[in-house]
Amino acid sequence: MKAKRGAKVTAPGAALSRPRERIVTSAQDLFHRHGIRGVGVDAIAEAAGTNKMTLYRHFGSKDDLIIEYLNYKGRKSDEIWAEIEVASPGDPVGQLRGFIHRVAKFIAEDERGCALANAAVELTEHGHPGLHLIQEFKVRQRSRLAMLCRAAGASQPDLLADAIVLLIEGARVSRRSVGTAGPSANLLRTCEAVVASFGVRAGQSQLGANRIRRRRR
């Protein structure tokens, strides 16, 4: 659904910052709620309390704004990983479970799902720079998860990482199509059962922590 022109929509906090910050904040909000193809620069400028001339002064095109949005989503993901590590320092099993819990919570609370996956569907132009960013992010995310599975003592860490990724991506689609009462409601229990089936046990955390430290050197 496209954001309607004439119906003024202002992003939270948009009136309290500089034009560029307001534009970015408004674009992030509108892109997430309506999709990057469902929102035009007019709606973004209006929500930011500015005009198209100012928007194009900061961003040469809508594609530049899309790239800014995707990079922002990637940075937010990195922040979440950092929070997970702080919550379970030196405990790969705890971090793996923390990651799964966080994702399950996000899916339950936000019907829009993964902003990068949604963008990948919308960006149909071959060679669009946004697609490269999305692929790079998804590969990095999967590699990070595989390293964590390995540190947690999984019997087949790469296969476990792939299984978790597929469960999460499927849960996002299910959440969107049939709501929170559908299969996505069982994401947490399903992931925990799959993790356990790969031999991950809490007692392996210290060994796994040592593996992570060695790989980072």
N, C-alpha and C. Protein backbone atom coordinates (compact mmCIF):
# COMPACT_ATOMS: atom_id res chain seq x y z
N MET A 1 0.84 -1.19 0.00
CA MET A 1 0.00 0.00 0.00
C MET A 1 0.88 1.24 0.00
N LYS A 2 0.61 2.17 -0.92
CA LYS A 2 1.41 3.38 -0.96
C LYS A 2 0.94 4.36 0.11
N ALA A 3 1.91 5.11 0.70
CA ALA A 3 1.56 6.13 1.66
C ALA A 3 0.79 7.21 0.89
N LYS A 4 -0.38 7.58 1.35
CA LYS A 4 -1.23 8.50 0.62
C LYS A 4 -0.70 9.93 0.69
N ARG A 5 -0.70 10.58 -0.45
CA ARG A 5 -0.33 11.98 -0.48
C ARG A 5 -1.49 12.79 0.09
N GLY A 6 -1.15 13.83 0.82
CA GLY A 6 -2.18 14.65 1.42
C GLY A 6 -2.48 14.24 2.84
N ALA A 7 -2.20 12.98 3.17
CA ALA A 7 -2.38 12.52 4.54
C ALA A 7 -1.03 12.64 5.23
N LYS A 8 -0.84 13.69 5.98
CA LYS A 8 0.47 14.00 6.54
C LYS A 8 0.85 12.96 7.58
N VAL A 9 2.00 12.34 7.39
CA VAL A 9 2.52 11.34 8.31
C VAL A 9 3.89 11.80 8.76
N THR A 10 4.05 12.01 10.03
CA THR A 10 5.33 12.47 10.55
C THR A 10 5.96 11.39 11.39
N ALA A 11 7.19 11.05 11.08
CA ALA A 11 7.89 10.01 11.83
C ALA A 11 8.18 10.50 13.23
N PRO A 12 8.21 9.57 14.22
CA PRO A 12 8.49 9.95 15.60
C PRO A 12 9.80 10.71 15.71
N GLY A 13 9.76 11.89 16.35
CA GLY A 13 10.96 12.67 16.57
C GLY A 13 11.44 13.44 15.36
N ALA A 14 10.67 13.41 14.26
CA ALA A 14 11.12 14.05 13.03
C ALA A 14 11.27 15.56 13.15
N ALA A 15 10.46 16.17 14.00
CA ALA A 15 10.50 17.62 14.12
C ALA A 15 11.62 18.12 15.03
N LEU A 16 12.37 17.23 15.63
CA LEU A 16 13.34 17.61 16.65
C LEU A 16 14.78 17.56 16.16
N SER A 17 15.03 17.26 14.88
CA SER A 17 16.39 17.09 14.40
C SER A 17 16.62 17.89 13.12
N ARG A 18 17.84 17.80 12.60
CA ARG A 18 18.18 18.50 11.38
C ARG A 18 17.54 17.82 10.17
N PRO A 19 17.45 18.57 9.03
CA PRO A 19 16.77 18.02 7.85
C PRO A 19 17.22 16.63 7.44
N ARG A 20 18.56 16.41 7.33
CA ARG A 20 19.04 15.10 6.90
C ARG A 20 18.61 14.00 7.86
N GLU A 21 18.71 14.27 9.16
CA GLU A 21 18.32 13.28 10.16
C GLU A 21 16.83 13.01 10.09
N ARG A 22 16.04 14.07 9.86
CA ARG A 22 14.59 13.89 9.74
C ARG A 22 14.25 13.06 8.51
N ILE A 23 14.94 13.31 7.43
CA ILE A 23 14.69 12.56 6.20
C ILE A 23 15.00 11.08 6.40
N VAL A 24 16.15 10.80 7.01
CA VAL A 24 16.55 9.41 7.24
C VAL A 24 15.57 8.72 8.19
N THR A 25 15.21 9.39 9.28
CA THR A 25 14.27 8.82 10.25
C THR A 25 12.91 8.54 9.60
N SER A 26 12.43 9.48 8.81
CA SER A 26 11.14 9.30 8.16
C SER A 26 11.18 8.18 7.13
N ALA A 27 12.28 8.11 6.37
CA ALA A 27 12.41 7.05 5.37
C ALA A 27 12.46 5.68 6.03
N GLN A 28 13.20 5.58 7.12
CA GLN A 28 13.29 4.30 7.84
C GLN A 28 11.91 3.84 8.30
N ASP A 29 11.15 4.75 8.84
CA ASP A 29 9.82 4.42 9.34
C ASP A 29 8.87 4.05 8.20
N LEU A 30 8.83 4.86 7.17
CA LEU A 30 7.90 4.61 6.06
C LEU A 30 8.29 3.38 5.24
N PHE A 31 9.58 3.22 4.98
CA PHE A 31 10.03 2.04 4.24
C PHE A 31 9.65 0.76 4.98
N HIS A 32 9.83 0.77 6.29
CA HIS A 32 9.53 -0.44 7.06
C HIS A 32 8.03 -0.73 7.07
N ARG A 33 7.23 0.30 7.20
CA ARG A 33 5.77 0.10 7.30
C ARG A 33 5.09 -0.14 5.97
N HIS A 34 5.60 0.50 4.90
CA HIS A 34 4.90 0.42 3.62
C HIS A 34 5.71 -0.25 2.51
N GLY A 35 6.99 -0.54 2.77
CA GLY A 35 7.84 -1.10 1.73
C GLY A 35 8.56 0.00 0.96
N ILE A 36 9.73 -0.30 0.44
CA ILE A 36 10.51 0.75 -0.23
C ILE A 36 9.89 1.18 -1.55
N ARG A 37 9.10 0.30 -2.17
CA ARG A 37 8.43 0.68 -3.42
C ARG A 37 7.04 1.27 -3.15
N GLY A 38 6.59 1.18 -1.92
CA GLY A 38 5.27 1.72 -1.58
C GLY A 38 5.32 3.15 -1.09
N VAL A 39 6.51 3.73 -1.07
CA VAL A 39 6.68 5.09 -0.55
C VAL A 39 7.49 5.91 -1.55
N GLY A 40 6.99 7.08 -1.89
CA GLY A 40 7.71 7.97 -2.80
C GLY A 40 8.46 9.05 -2.05
N VAL A 41 9.31 9.78 -2.76
CA VAL A 41 10.09 10.84 -2.12
C VAL A 41 9.20 11.97 -1.61
N ASP A 42 8.06 12.18 -2.25
CA ASP A 42 7.15 13.22 -1.77
C ASP A 42 6.66 12.91 -0.36
N ALA A 43 6.27 11.65 -0.15
CA ALA A 43 5.77 11.24 1.18
C ALA A 43 6.87 11.33 2.22
N ILE A 44 8.10 10.96 1.84
CA ILE A 44 9.22 11.02 2.78
C ILE A 44 9.52 12.46 3.16
N ALA A 45 9.57 13.35 2.16
CA ALA A 45 9.84 14.76 2.42
C ALA A 45 8.76 15.36 3.31
N GLU A 46 7.51 15.02 3.03
CA GLU A 46 6.41 15.55 3.82
C GLU A 46 6.48 15.06 5.26
N ALA A 47 6.76 13.77 5.44
CA ALA A 47 6.86 13.21 6.80
C ALA A 47 8.02 13.82 7.56
N ALA A 48 9.08 14.22 6.83
CA ALA A 48 10.25 14.81 7.46
C ALA A 48 10.09 16.30 7.70
N GLY A 49 8.98 16.87 7.26
CA GLY A 49 8.75 18.29 7.45
C GLY A 49 9.66 19.14 6.58
N THR A 50 9.95 18.64 5.36
CA THR A 50 10.83 19.38 4.46
C THR A 50 10.28 19.27 3.04
N ASN A 51 11.11 19.43 2.02
CA ASN A 51 10.65 19.35 0.64
C ASN A 51 11.61 18.52 -0.21
N LYS A 52 11.19 18.22 -1.43
CA LYS A 52 12.00 17.36 -2.30
C LYS A 52 13.36 17.98 -2.63
N MET A 53 13.40 19.29 -2.76
CA MET A 53 14.66 19.94 -3.07
C MET A 53 15.68 19.68 -1.97
N THR A 54 15.25 19.79 -0.73
CA THR A 54 16.14 19.53 0.40
C THR A 54 16.52 18.07 0.45
N LEU A 55 15.55 17.19 0.20
CA LEU A 55 15.84 15.75 0.20
C LEU A 55 16.92 15.41 -0.82
N TYR A 56 16.78 15.95 -2.04
CA TYR A 56 17.75 15.64 -3.09
C TYR A 56 19.09 16.34 -2.88
N ARG A 57 19.10 17.35 -2.03
CA ARG A 57 20.37 17.99 -1.69
C ARG A 57 21.21 17.05 -0.82
N HIS A 58 20.54 16.23 -0.01
CA HIS A 58 21.24 15.30 0.88
C HIS A 58 21.39 13.92 0.26
N PHE A 59 20.45 13.54 -0.60
CA PHE A 59 20.48 12.23 -1.25
C PHE A 59 20.22 12.42 -2.74
N GLY A 60 21.18 12.02 -3.56
CA GLY A 60 21.07 12.26 -5.00
C GLY A 60 19.89 11.57 -5.66
N SER A 61 19.41 10.50 -5.04
CA SER A 61 18.28 9.76 -5.60
C SER A 61 17.60 8.96 -4.50
N LYS A 62 16.45 8.41 -4.82
CA LYS A 62 15.76 7.56 -3.85
C LYS A 62 16.61 6.32 -3.56
N ASP A 63 17.33 5.83 -4.57
CA ASP A 63 18.19 4.67 -4.35
C ASP A 63 19.26 4.95 -3.29
N ASP A 64 19.78 6.17 -3.26
CA ASP A 64 20.76 6.52 -2.23
C ASP A 64 20.13 6.44 -0.84
N LEU A 65 18.88 6.84 -0.77
CA LEU A 65 18.17 6.78 0.50
C LEU A 65 17.89 5.33 0.90
N ILE A 66 17.61 4.49 -0.09
CA ILE A 66 17.41 3.06 0.17
C ILE A 66 18.69 2.43 0.72
N ILE A 67 19.83 2.79 0.14
CA ILE A 67 21.11 2.27 0.62
C ILE A 67 21.35 2.71 2.07
N GLU A 68 21.03 3.95 2.36
CA GLU A 68 21.18 4.44 3.74
C GLU A 68 20.31 3.62 4.69
N TYR A 69 19.10 3.32 4.27
CA TYR A 69 18.16 2.53 5.06
C TYR A 69 18.69 1.12 5.31
N LEU A 70 19.20 0.49 4.27
CA LEU A 70 19.71 -0.87 4.41
C LEU A 70 20.95 -0.91 5.31
N ASN A 71 21.83 0.08 5.16
CA ASN A 71 23.00 0.14 6.03
C ASN A 71 22.60 0.33 7.49
N TYR A 72 21.57 1.15 7.69
CA TYR A 72 21.07 1.37 9.05
C TYR A 72 20.58 0.06 9.66
N LYS A 73 19.83 -0.71 8.89
CA LYS A 73 19.32 -1.99 9.39
C LYS A 73 20.47 -2.94 9.71
N GLY A 74 21.52 -2.92 8.90
CA GLY A 74 22.68 -3.75 9.17
C GLY A 74 23.37 -3.36 10.46
N ARG A 75 23.50 -2.05 10.70
CA ARG A 75 24.13 -1.57 11.93
C ARG A 75 23.30 -1.96 13.15
N LYS A 76 21.99 -1.88 13.03
CA LYS A 76 21.12 -2.27 14.16
C LYS A 76 21.31 -3.73 14.50
N SER A 77 21.48 -4.56 13.48
CA SER A 77 21.70 -5.99 13.71
C SER A 77 23.02 -6.21 14.45
N ASP A 78 24.06 -5.47 14.06
CA ASP A 78 25.35 -5.59 14.75
C ASP A 78 25.22 -5.19 16.22
N GLU A 79 24.41 -4.18 16.49
CA GLU A 79 24.19 -3.75 17.87
C GLU A 79 23.50 -4.85 18.68
N ILE A 80 22.57 -5.53 18.06
CA ILE A 80 21.85 -6.61 18.74
C ILE A 80 22.81 -7.76 19.06
N TRP A 81 23.68 -8.10 18.11
CA TRP A 81 24.67 -9.15 18.37
C TRP A 81 25.55 -8.76 19.55
N ALA A 82 25.95 -7.48 19.61
CA ALA A 82 26.79 -7.01 20.71
C ALA A 82 26.06 -7.14 22.05
N GLU A 83 24.77 -6.82 22.05
CA GLU A 83 23.96 -6.94 23.27
C GLU A 83 23.86 -8.40 23.72
N ILE A 84 23.73 -9.29 22.76
CA ILE A 84 23.64 -10.72 23.08
C ILE A 84 24.93 -11.21 23.71
N GLU A 85 26.07 -10.75 23.19
CA GLU A 85 27.37 -11.14 23.75
C GLU A 85 27.53 -10.61 25.17
N VAL A 86 27.10 -9.38 25.40
CA VAL A 86 27.20 -8.78 26.73
C VAL A 86 26.31 -9.53 27.72
N ALA A 87 25.15 -9.97 27.27
CA ALA A 87 24.21 -10.67 28.16
C ALA A 87 24.72 -12.05 28.55
N SER A 88 25.55 -12.69 27.69
CA SER A 88 26.08 -14.03 27.99
C SER A 88 27.57 -14.08 27.67
N PRO A 89 28.39 -13.33 28.40
CA PRO A 89 29.82 -13.27 28.10
C PRO A 89 30.51 -14.63 28.25
N GLY A 90 31.28 -15.00 27.23
CA GLY A 90 32.00 -16.26 27.29
C GLY A 90 31.13 -17.50 27.28
N ASP A 91 29.89 -17.36 26.83
CA ASP A 91 28.96 -18.48 26.86
C ASP A 91 28.29 -18.62 25.49
N PRO A 92 28.91 -19.34 24.56
CA PRO A 92 28.35 -19.50 23.21
C PRO A 92 26.95 -20.10 23.18
N VAL A 93 26.71 -21.08 24.07
CA VAL A 93 25.37 -21.69 24.11
C VAL A 93 24.34 -20.64 24.55
N GLY A 94 24.69 -19.86 25.56
CA GLY A 94 23.80 -18.80 26.02
C GLY A 94 23.57 -17.76 24.94
N GLN A 95 24.62 -17.44 24.18
CA GLN A 95 24.49 -16.47 23.10
C GLN A 95 23.62 -17.01 21.97
N LEU A 96 23.78 -18.30 21.67
CA LEU A 96 22.97 -18.91 20.62
C LEU A 96 21.50 -18.89 21.02
N ARG A 97 21.23 -19.26 22.24
CA ARG A 97 19.84 -19.23 22.72
C ARG A 97 19.32 -17.80 22.80
N GLY A 98 20.21 -16.87 23.20
CA GLY A 98 19.81 -15.47 23.26
C GLY A 98 19.44 -14.94 21.89
N PHE A 99 20.21 -15.33 20.87
CA PHE A 99 19.91 -14.92 19.50
C PHE A 99 18.54 -15.43 19.07
N ILE A 100 18.28 -16.70 19.33
CA ILE A 100 17.00 -17.30 18.93
C ILE A 100 15.84 -16.63 19.66
N HIS A 101 16.03 -16.38 20.95
CA HIS A 101 14.97 -15.71 21.74
C HIS A 101 14.69 -14.31 21.19
N ARG A 102 15.75 -13.56 20.86
CA ARG A 102 15.56 -12.21 20.35
C ARG A 102 14.81 -12.23 19.02
N VAL A 103 15.20 -13.12 18.13
CA VAL A 103 14.54 -13.19 16.83
C VAL A 103 13.08 -13.59 16.99
N ALA A 104 12.81 -14.57 17.84
CA ALA A 104 11.42 -15.01 18.05
C ALA A 104 10.57 -13.86 18.59
N LYS A 105 11.15 -13.06 19.47
CA LYS A 105 10.45 -11.91 20.04
C LYS A 105 10.16 -10.87 18.97
N PHE A 106 11.14 -10.58 18.13
CA PHE A 106 10.95 -9.61 17.06
C PHE A 106 9.85 -10.05 16.09
N ILE A 107 9.88 -11.34 15.74
CA ILE A 107 8.89 -11.85 14.79
C ILE A 107 7.48 -11.75 15.38
N ALA A 108 7.35 -12.05 16.66
CA ALA A 108 6.04 -11.99 17.31
C ALA A 108 5.51 -10.56 17.38
N GLU A 109 6.43 -9.60 17.55
CA GLU A 109 6.02 -8.21 17.77
C GLU A 109 5.87 -7.39 16.49
N ASP A 110 6.55 -7.79 15.42
CA ASP A 110 6.56 -6.97 14.20
C ASP A 110 6.14 -7.81 13.00
N GLU A 111 4.94 -7.58 12.51
CA GLU A 111 4.43 -8.37 11.40
C GLU A 111 5.15 -8.10 10.08
N ARG A 112 5.88 -7.02 9.99
CA ARG A 112 6.55 -6.69 8.73
C ARG A 112 7.75 -7.58 8.45
N GLY A 113 8.29 -8.22 9.49
CA GLY A 113 9.39 -9.15 9.28
C GLY A 113 10.73 -8.48 9.05
N CYS A 114 11.61 -9.16 8.34
CA CYS A 114 12.98 -8.69 8.09
C CYS A 114 12.98 -7.62 7.00
N ALA A 115 13.46 -6.43 7.34
CA ALA A 115 13.48 -5.33 6.38
C ALA A 115 14.37 -5.65 5.18
N LEU A 116 15.48 -6.35 5.41
CA LEU A 116 16.38 -6.65 4.29
C LEU A 116 15.80 -7.71 3.37
N ALA A 117 15.14 -8.72 3.94
CA ALA A 117 14.51 -9.74 3.12
C ALA A 117 13.38 -9.13 2.29
N ASN A 118 12.61 -8.24 2.91
CA ASN A 118 11.53 -7.56 2.19
C ASN A 118 12.10 -6.73 1.05
N ALA A 119 13.20 -6.04 1.33
CA ALA A 119 13.82 -5.20 0.29
C ALA A 119 14.34 -6.05 -0.86
N ALA A 120 14.86 -7.23 -0.54
CA ALA A 120 15.39 -8.12 -1.58
C ALA A 120 14.29 -8.52 -2.57
N VAL A 121 13.07 -8.67 -2.07
CA VAL A 121 11.94 -9.02 -2.94
C VAL A 121 11.54 -7.82 -3.80
N GLU A 122 11.61 -6.62 -3.23
CA GLU A 122 11.17 -5.42 -3.94
C GLU A 122 12.19 -4.91 -4.96
N LEU A 123 13.47 -5.13 -4.69
CA LEU A 123 14.50 -4.62 -5.60
C LEU A 123 14.70 -5.60 -6.75
N THR A 124 13.91 -5.43 -7.78
CA THR A 124 13.92 -6.38 -8.89
C THR A 124 14.94 -6.04 -9.98
N GLU A 125 15.49 -4.81 -9.94
CA GLU A 125 16.45 -4.42 -10.97
C GLU A 125 17.76 -5.19 -10.82
N HIS A 126 18.20 -5.84 -11.88
CA HIS A 126 19.45 -6.59 -11.85
C HIS A 126 20.62 -5.65 -11.56
N GLY A 127 21.45 -6.02 -10.61
CA GLY A 127 22.62 -5.21 -10.30
C GLY A 127 22.37 -4.04 -9.37
N HIS A 128 21.18 -3.93 -8.82
CA HIS A 128 20.91 -2.83 -7.88
C HIS A 128 21.88 -2.94 -6.71
N PRO A 129 22.55 -1.83 -6.34
CA PRO A 129 23.53 -1.88 -5.24
C PRO A 129 22.94 -2.37 -3.91
N GLY A 130 21.66 -2.17 -3.73
CA GLY A 130 21.02 -2.63 -2.50
C GLY A 130 21.05 -4.14 -2.38
N LEU A 131 20.94 -4.83 -3.51
CA LEU A 131 20.96 -6.30 -3.49
C LEU A 131 22.31 -6.83 -3.02
N HIS A 132 23.38 -6.15 -3.43
CA HIS A 132 24.72 -6.55 -2.98
C HIS A 132 24.85 -6.37 -1.47
N LEU A 133 24.33 -5.27 -0.97
CA LEU A 133 24.37 -5.02 0.47
C LEU A 133 23.61 -6.09 1.25
N ILE A 134 22.43 -6.43 0.75
CA ILE A 134 21.60 -7.43 1.41
C ILE A 134 22.29 -8.79 1.42
N GLN A 135 22.84 -9.17 0.27
CA GLN A 135 23.54 -10.45 0.20
C GLN A 135 24.73 -10.48 1.16
N GLU A 136 25.48 -9.40 1.17
CA GLU A 136 26.65 -9.30 2.05
C GLU A 136 26.23 -9.45 3.51
N PHE A 137 25.15 -8.78 3.88
CA PHE A 137 24.66 -8.84 5.25
C PHE A 137 24.20 -10.25 5.61
N LYS A 138 23.42 -10.86 4.74
CA LYS A 138 22.88 -12.19 5.02
C LYS A 138 23.99 -13.24 5.13
N VAL A 139 24.99 -13.13 4.26
CA VAL A 139 26.12 -14.06 4.32
C VAL A 139 26.89 -13.87 5.63
N ARG A 140 27.11 -12.61 6.01
CA ARG A 140 27.83 -12.33 7.25
C ARG A 140 27.04 -12.83 8.47
N GLN A 141 25.74 -12.64 8.43
CA GLN A 141 24.88 -13.09 9.53
C GLN A 141 24.93 -14.61 9.68
N ARG A 142 24.87 -15.31 8.54
CA ARG A 142 24.90 -16.76 8.57
C ARG A 142 26.27 -17.27 9.05
N SER A 143 27.35 -16.62 8.60
CA SER A 143 28.69 -17.01 9.03
C SER A 143 28.87 -16.80 10.53
N ARG A 144 28.34 -15.71 11.01
CA ARG A 144 28.42 -15.43 12.44
C ARG A 144 27.68 -16.49 13.25
N LEU A 145 26.52 -16.87 12.75
CA LEU A 145 25.72 -17.89 13.42
C LEU A 145 26.43 -19.24 13.38
N ALA A 146 27.04 -19.58 12.24
CA ALA A 146 27.76 -20.85 12.12
C ALA A 146 28.94 -20.90 13.09
N MET A 147 29.65 -19.79 13.23
CA MET A 147 30.77 -19.73 14.16
C MET A 147 30.28 -19.94 15.60
N LEU A 148 29.12 -19.37 15.91
CA LEU A 148 28.55 -19.53 17.25
C LEU A 148 28.11 -20.98 17.48
N CYS A 149 27.53 -21.60 16.47
CA CYS A 149 27.13 -23.01 16.57
C CYS A 149 28.35 -23.90 16.79
N ARG A 150 29.43 -23.57 16.10
CA ARG A 150 30.67 -24.34 16.24
C ARG A 150 31.23 -24.19 17.66
N ALA A 151 31.24 -22.96 18.16
CA ALA A 151 31.74 -22.69 19.50
C ALA A 151 30.87 -23.34 20.57
N ALA A 152 29.57 -23.49 20.26
CA ALA A 152 28.65 -24.09 21.22
C ALA A 152 28.75 -25.61 21.24
N GLY A 153 29.56 -26.16 20.32
CA GLY A 153 29.78 -27.60 20.32
C GLY A 153 28.84 -28.40 19.45
N ALA A 154 28.19 -27.76 18.48
CA ALA A 154 27.28 -28.48 17.58
C ALA A 154 28.03 -29.51 16.77
N SER A 155 27.41 -30.67 16.55
CA SER A 155 28.06 -31.75 15.80
C SER A 155 28.29 -31.38 14.34
N GLN A 156 27.37 -30.62 13.76
CA GLN A 156 27.51 -30.13 12.38
C GLN A 156 27.11 -28.65 12.38
N PRO A 157 28.01 -27.79 12.78
CA PRO A 157 27.69 -26.37 12.97
C PRO A 157 27.15 -25.65 11.74
N ASP A 158 27.71 -25.95 10.57
CA ASP A 158 27.23 -25.27 9.36
C ASP A 158 25.80 -25.70 9.02
N LEU A 159 25.51 -26.97 9.18
CA LEU A 159 24.17 -27.46 8.91
C LEU A 159 23.18 -26.91 9.93
N LEU A 160 23.60 -26.82 11.18
CA LEU A 160 22.72 -26.25 12.22
C LEU A 160 22.43 -24.78 11.92
N ALA A 161 23.46 -24.04 11.52
CA ALA A 161 23.26 -22.63 11.19
C ALA A 161 22.26 -22.48 10.05
N ASP A 162 22.40 -23.32 9.01
CA ASP A 162 21.46 -23.27 7.89
C ASP A 162 20.03 -23.61 8.34
N ALA A 163 19.91 -24.60 9.23
CA ALA A 163 18.59 -24.99 9.72
C ALA A 163 17.93 -23.85 10.48
N ILE A 164 18.70 -23.17 11.33
CA ILE A 164 18.16 -22.05 12.11
C ILE A 164 17.74 -20.91 11.19
N VAL A 165 18.58 -20.61 10.20
CA VAL A 165 18.26 -19.54 9.25
C VAL A 165 16.96 -19.86 8.50
N LEU A 166 16.82 -21.08 8.04
CA LEU A 166 15.62 -21.46 7.31
C LEU A 166 14.38 -21.42 8.19
N LEU A 167 14.51 -21.85 9.43
CA LEU A 167 13.38 -21.78 10.37
C LEU A 167 12.96 -20.33 10.61
N ILE A 168 13.93 -19.46 10.78
CA ILE A 168 13.64 -18.05 11.04
C ILE A 168 12.98 -17.39 9.83
N GLU A 169 13.56 -17.61 8.65
CA GLU A 169 12.99 -17.01 7.45
C GLU A 169 11.57 -17.52 7.20
N GLY A 170 11.37 -18.81 7.42
CA GLY A 170 10.03 -19.37 7.25
C GLY A 170 9.04 -18.82 8.26
N ALA A 171 9.50 -18.62 9.49
CA ALA A 171 8.64 -18.08 10.54
C ALA A 171 8.20 -16.65 10.21
N ARG A 172 9.10 -15.89 9.59
CA ARG A 172 8.75 -14.51 9.22
C ARG A 172 7.64 -14.49 8.17
N VAL A 173 7.73 -15.38 7.21
CA VAL A 173 6.69 -15.45 6.18
C VAL A 173 5.37 -15.92 6.79
N SER A 174 5.45 -16.93 7.65
CA SER A 174 4.24 -17.45 8.30
C SER A 174 3.59 -16.38 9.17
N ARG A 175 4.39 -15.63 9.89
CA ARG A 175 3.86 -14.56 10.76
C ARG A 175 3.10 -13.55 9.92
N ARG A 176 3.64 -13.24 8.76
CA ARG A 176 3.01 -12.25 7.89
C ARG A 176 1.73 -12.79 7.25
N SER A 177 1.73 -14.06 6.88
CA SER A 177 0.59 -14.62 6.14
C SER A 177 -0.55 -15.09 7.02
N VAL A 178 -0.26 -15.69 8.17
CA VAL A 178 -1.35 -16.23 9.00
C VAL A 178 -1.35 -15.70 10.43
N GLY A 179 -0.44 -14.79 10.75
CA GLY A 179 -0.48 -14.16 12.06
C GLY A 179 0.26 -14.93 13.14
N THR A 180 0.18 -14.41 14.35
CA THR A 180 0.94 -14.96 15.48
C THR A 180 0.40 -16.30 15.98
N ALA A 181 -0.81 -16.68 15.56
CA ALA A 181 -1.37 -17.96 16.00
C ALA A 181 -0.93 -19.12 15.11
N GLY A 182 -0.20 -18.81 14.05
CA GLY A 182 0.24 -19.84 13.11
C GLY A 182 1.54 -20.50 13.56
N PRO A 183 2.21 -21.18 12.65
CA PRO A 183 3.44 -21.91 12.96
C PRO A 183 4.55 -21.07 13.59
N SER A 184 4.57 -19.76 13.30
CA SER A 184 5.64 -18.91 13.85
C SER A 184 5.61 -18.88 15.37
N ALA A 185 4.45 -19.20 15.95
CA ALA A 185 4.33 -19.22 17.41
C ALA A 185 5.22 -20.29 18.03
N ASN A 186 5.57 -21.29 17.23
CA ASN A 186 6.40 -22.40 17.73
C ASN A 186 7.87 -22.28 17.31
N LEU A 187 8.26 -21.10 16.83
CA LEU A 187 9.64 -20.93 16.38
C LEU A 187 10.64 -21.23 17.49
N LEU A 188 10.42 -20.69 18.65
CA LEU A 188 11.37 -20.86 19.76
C LEU A 188 11.55 -22.32 20.13
N ARG A 189 10.43 -23.02 20.32
CA ARG A 189 10.50 -24.43 20.70
C ARG A 189 11.12 -25.29 19.60
N THR A 190 10.78 -24.95 18.35
CA THR A 190 11.33 -25.72 17.23
C THR A 190 12.84 -25.53 17.13
N CYS A 191 13.29 -24.29 17.24
CA CYS A 191 14.73 -24.02 17.18
C CYS A 191 15.47 -24.70 18.32
N GLU A 192 14.90 -24.66 19.52
CA GLU A 192 15.56 -25.28 20.67
C GLU A 192 15.67 -26.80 20.47
N ALA A 193 14.63 -27.40 19.90
CA ALA A 193 14.67 -28.84 19.64
C ALA A 193 15.73 -29.18 18.60
N VAL A 194 15.81 -28.35 17.57
CA VAL A 194 16.81 -28.58 16.52
C VAL A 194 18.22 -28.40 17.07
N VAL A 195 18.43 -27.35 17.86
CA VAL A 195 19.75 -27.11 18.47
C VAL A 195 20.16 -28.31 19.33
N ALA A 196 19.24 -28.80 20.15
CA ALA A 196 19.53 -29.95 21.01
C ALA A 196 19.85 -31.19 20.18
N SER A 197 19.19 -31.34 19.03
CA SER A 197 19.41 -32.52 18.19
C SER A 197 20.82 -32.54 17.58
N PHE A 198 21.49 -31.39 17.58
CA PHE A 198 22.87 -31.31 17.09
C PHE A 198 23.87 -31.42 18.24
N GLY A 199 23.39 -31.85 19.39
CA GLY A 199 24.27 -32.12 20.52
C GLY A 199 24.76 -30.92 21.29
N VAL A 200 24.11 -29.79 21.16
CA VAL A 200 24.53 -28.60 21.90
C VAL A 200 24.08 -28.71 23.35
N ARG A 201 25.03 -28.60 24.26
CA ARG A 201 24.75 -28.69 25.69
C ARG A 201 25.41 -27.53 26.41
N ALA A 202 24.80 -27.08 27.48
CA ALA A 202 25.30 -25.92 28.22
C ALA A 202 26.71 -26.14 28.74
N GLY A 203 27.08 -27.35 29.07
CA GLY A 203 28.39 -27.64 29.63
C GLY A 203 29.54 -27.41 28.66
N GLN A 204 29.22 -27.22 27.38
CA GLN A 204 30.26 -27.03 26.38
C GLN A 204 30.62 -25.57 26.18
N SER A 205 30.01 -24.68 26.95
CA SER A 205 30.16 -23.25 26.73
C SER A 205 31.60 -22.77 26.85
N GLN A 206 32.34 -23.21 27.87
CA GLN A 206 33.68 -22.69 28.07
C GLN A 206 34.61 -23.10 26.93
N LEU A 207 34.49 -24.35 26.49
CA LEU A 207 35.30 -24.81 25.36
C LEU A 207 34.98 -23.98 24.13
N GLY A 208 33.71 -23.72 23.94
CA GLY A 208 33.30 -22.93 22.78
C GLY A 208 33.81 -21.51 22.85
N ALA A 209 33.83 -20.94 24.04
CA ALA A 209 34.32 -19.57 24.21
C ALA A 209 35.78 -19.48 23.81
N ASN A 210 36.56 -20.49 24.16
CA ASN A 210 37.97 -20.51 23.78
C ASN A 210 38.13 -20.58 22.27
N ARG A 211 37.23 -21.33 21.59
CA ARG A 211 37.28 -21.44 20.14
C ARG A 211 37.01 -20.09 19.48
N ILE A 212 36.03 -19.38 20.01
CA ILE A 212 35.69 -18.07 19.46
C ILE A 212 36.87 -17.12 19.58
N ARG A 213 37.52 -17.11 20.76
CA ARG A 213 38.64 -16.21 20.97
C ARG A 213 39.78 -16.53 20.02
N ARG A 214 40.06 -17.82 19.78
CA ARG A 214 41.15 -18.20 18.87
C ARG A 214 40.85 -17.76 17.44
N ARG A 215 39.58 -17.91 17.01
CA ARG A 215 39.22 -17.55 15.63
C ARG A 215 39.28 -16.05 15.40
N ARG A 216 39.10 -15.25 16.45
CA ARG A 216 39.12 -13.80 16.30
C ARG A 216 40.53 -13.22 16.28
N ARG A 217 41.52 -13.99 16.68
CA ARG A 217 42.90 -13.50 16.71
C ARG A 217 43.49 -13.42 15.31
